[in-house]
Amino acid sequence: HKAFATELLVSALLGHDNLLVAEGEQHARHRRLIAPTFQHKNINSMVSLMVKTTARLLDRWADAAAQNRSKDQIMTMDIH
């Protein structure tokens, strides 16, 4: 069972009818519905996109770090 505080917070953010707060048969139904998305063939088809996206992000961070290093400043980034 989910902790009450966790359920309350997640429900407030995502609604009451979702996999993260569901339990019992409702949880099992949600899991069956999303299971095909996580099959190896589907995950494998997304790998190149995930690698490209991550590489672009790392490049942006490296550029920002290099700019701050040249200015001899402390670097602060919002990575949200």
Protein backbone atom coordinates (compact mmCIF):
# COMPACT_ATOMS: atom_id res chain seq x y z
CA HIS A 1 0.00 0.00 0.00
CA LYS A 2 1.11 3.54 -0.72
CA ALA A 3 1.91 5.90 2.12
CA PHE A 4 -0.91 8.38 2.69
CA ALA A 5 1.33 11.44 2.21
CA THR A 6 2.75 10.03 -1.04
CA GLU A 7 -0.70 9.21 -2.36
CA LEU A 8 -1.98 12.67 -1.42
CA LEU A 9 0.93 14.44 -3.11
CA VAL A 10 0.92 12.33 -6.29
CA SER A 11 -2.87 12.57 -6.56
CA ALA A 12 -2.70 16.35 -6.23
CA LEU A 13 -0.13 16.52 -9.04
CA LEU A 14 -1.37 13.82 -11.41
CA GLY A 15 -4.96 13.11 -10.46
CA HIS A 16 -6.50 10.17 -8.64
CA ASP A 17 -6.75 7.72 -11.53
CA ASN A 18 -3.15 6.87 -12.43
CA LEU A 19 -0.65 4.05 -12.09
CA LEU A 20 1.35 5.72 -9.32
CA VAL A 21 -1.53 5.82 -6.85
CA ALA A 22 -3.61 2.89 -8.08
CA GLU A 23 -3.74 -0.32 -6.08
CA GLY A 24 -5.17 -3.79 -6.52
CA GLU A 25 -7.07 -4.54 -9.74
CA GLN A 26 -6.90 -0.93 -10.93
CA HIS A 27 -3.09 -1.01 -10.67
CA ALA A 28 -2.95 -4.35 -12.51
CA ARG A 29 -5.18 -2.96 -15.29
CA HIS A 30 -2.97 0.11 -15.70
CA ARG A 31 0.15 -2.09 -15.82
CA ARG A 32 -1.36 -4.30 -18.53
CA LEU A 33 -2.25 -1.24 -20.60
CA ILE A 34 1.26 0.26 -20.54
CA ALA A 35 3.25 -3.00 -20.69
CA PRO A 36 3.62 -3.06 -24.52
CA THR A 37 5.39 0.31 -24.41
CA PHE A 38 8.20 -1.21 -22.37
CA GLN A 39 8.84 -4.28 -24.53
CA HIS A 40 12.43 -4.55 -25.76
CA LYS A 41 11.60 -3.78 -29.38
CA ASN A 42 9.87 -0.53 -28.39
CA ILE A 43 12.59 0.52 -25.96
CA ASN A 44 15.29 -0.32 -28.52
CA SER A 45 13.57 1.88 -31.10
CA MET A 46 13.91 4.84 -28.73
CA VAL A 47 17.59 4.36 -27.80
CA SER A 48 19.05 6.52 -30.58
CA LEU A 49 16.67 9.38 -29.72
CA MET A 50 17.57 9.13 -26.02
CA VAL A 51 21.30 9.14 -26.85
CA LYS A 52 20.98 12.18 -29.16
CA THR A 53 18.89 14.10 -26.63
CA THR A 54 21.32 13.32 -23.81
CA ALA A 55 24.33 14.26 -25.95
CA ARG A 56 22.76 17.64 -26.85
CA LEU A 57 22.04 18.35 -23.20
CA LEU A 58 25.57 17.42 -22.14
CA ASP A 59 26.99 19.63 -24.90
CA ARG A 60 24.92 22.58 -23.65
CA TRP A 61 26.14 21.99 -20.10
CA ALA A 62 29.74 21.70 -21.26
CA ASP A 63 29.43 24.96 -23.24
CA ALA A 64 27.94 26.75 -20.22
CA ALA A 65 30.70 25.38 -17.97
CA ALA A 66 33.39 26.52 -20.42
CA GLN A 67 31.92 30.03 -20.58
CA ASN A 68 31.80 30.32 -16.80
CA ARG A 69 35.30 28.89 -16.46
CA SER A 70 36.66 31.55 -18.81
CA LYS A 71 34.98 34.24 -16.67
CA ASP A 72 36.32 32.60 -13.50
CA GLN A 73 32.79 32.45 -12.07
CA ILE A 74 30.90 29.89 -10.07
CA MET A 75 28.46 28.11 -12.32
CA THR A 76 24.83 27.69 -11.27
CA MET A 77 22.37 25.89 -13.54
CA ASP A 78 18.68 25.17 -13.25
CA ILE A 79 18.58 21.56 -14.49
CA HIS A 80 14.88 21.09 -13.90
